[in-house]
Amino acid sequence: MVRDDGELRPATWDEALGRAADGLRRARDEHGPASFGMFSCSKSTNEMNYAAQKFARAVMGSNNIDSCNRT
């Protein structure tokens, strides 16, 4: 579902992903990469945690990523 003029309506996957990407890009451009942070779960696979940190660092340009792997 996406919101247009205050109303929710069904959307295609491509439209929903495009809007999400535009929102993340706009936030990064307006507030800088340090404004983005990500938390990754220790119950996820190593591969999923790797993909999360790669996204945060390579795509968003932020080192603000953490997980609860210490517990």
Protein backbone atom coordinates (compact mmCIF):
# COMPACT_ATOMS: atom_id res chain seq x y z
CA MET A 1 0.00 0.00 0.00
CA VAL A 2 1.18 3.53 -0.77
CA ARG A 3 -0.28 6.85 0.30
CA ASP A 4 -1.42 9.39 -2.30
CA ASP A 5 -3.00 12.62 -1.04
CA GLY A 6 -3.67 11.03 2.33
CA GLU A 7 -5.36 7.94 0.87
CA LEU A 8 -3.88 4.43 0.90
CA ARG A 9 -4.05 2.45 -2.32
CA PRO A 10 -2.55 -0.81 -3.58
CA ALA A 11 0.79 -0.52 -5.37
CA THR A 12 3.02 -2.75 -7.44
CA TRP A 13 6.25 -4.05 -5.92
CA ASP A 14 8.26 -1.88 -8.30
CA GLU A 15 6.38 1.26 -7.26
CA ALA A 16 6.67 0.47 -3.55
CA LEU A 17 10.41 -0.29 -3.78
CA GLY A 18 10.95 2.86 -5.86
CA ARG A 19 9.23 5.00 -3.26
CA ALA A 20 11.24 3.42 -0.45
CA ALA A 21 14.50 3.99 -2.33
CA ASP A 22 13.53 7.60 -3.10
CA GLY A 23 12.74 8.22 0.56
CA LEU A 24 16.06 6.80 1.77
CA ARG A 25 17.96 8.74 -0.91
CA ARG A 26 16.17 11.99 -0.06
CA ALA A 27 16.84 11.59 3.69
CA ARG A 28 20.53 10.87 3.06
CA ASP A 29 20.88 13.82 0.69
CA GLU A 30 19.08 16.28 2.99
CA HIS A 31 20.56 15.18 6.33
CA GLY A 32 23.82 13.42 5.42
CA PRO A 33 24.86 9.78 5.62
CA ALA A 34 25.45 9.94 9.38
CA SER A 35 21.70 10.44 9.84
CA PHE A 36 21.14 6.83 8.75
CA GLY A 37 21.52 3.94 11.15
CA MET A 38 20.75 0.25 10.99
CA PHE A 39 20.36 -2.46 13.61
CA SER A 40 20.96 -6.05 12.59
CA CYS A 41 19.76 -9.06 14.58
CA SER A 42 22.20 -11.62 15.92
CA LYS A 43 19.70 -14.38 15.11
CA SER A 44 20.06 -13.58 11.40
CA THR A 45 22.54 -15.51 9.31
CA ASN A 46 26.08 -14.21 8.82
CA GLU A 47 25.19 -13.61 5.19
CA MET A 48 22.19 -11.44 6.12
CA ASN A 49 24.25 -9.44 8.62
CA TYR A 50 26.97 -8.99 5.98
CA ALA A 51 24.39 -7.74 3.45
CA ALA A 52 22.99 -5.31 6.04
CA GLN A 53 26.40 -3.82 6.85
CA LYS A 54 27.29 -3.65 3.16
CA PHE A 55 24.04 -1.75 2.45
CA ALA A 56 24.64 0.68 5.32
CA ARG A 57 28.25 1.37 4.37
CA ALA A 58 28.34 1.10 0.57
CA VAL A 59 24.88 2.34 -0.38
CA MET A 60 24.00 4.76 2.41
CA GLY A 61 27.59 5.81 3.23
CA SER A 62 27.10 5.35 6.97
CA ASN A 63 29.10 3.41 9.55
CA ASN A 64 26.12 3.52 11.93
CA ILE A 65 25.33 -0.18 12.05
CA ASP A 66 25.17 -2.37 15.13
CA SER A 67 23.84 -5.71 16.25
CA CYS A 68 23.31 -7.55 19.50
CA ASN A 69 25.99 -10.15 18.70
CA ARG A 70 27.75 -9.36 21.97
CA THR A 71 25.10 -11.02 24.12
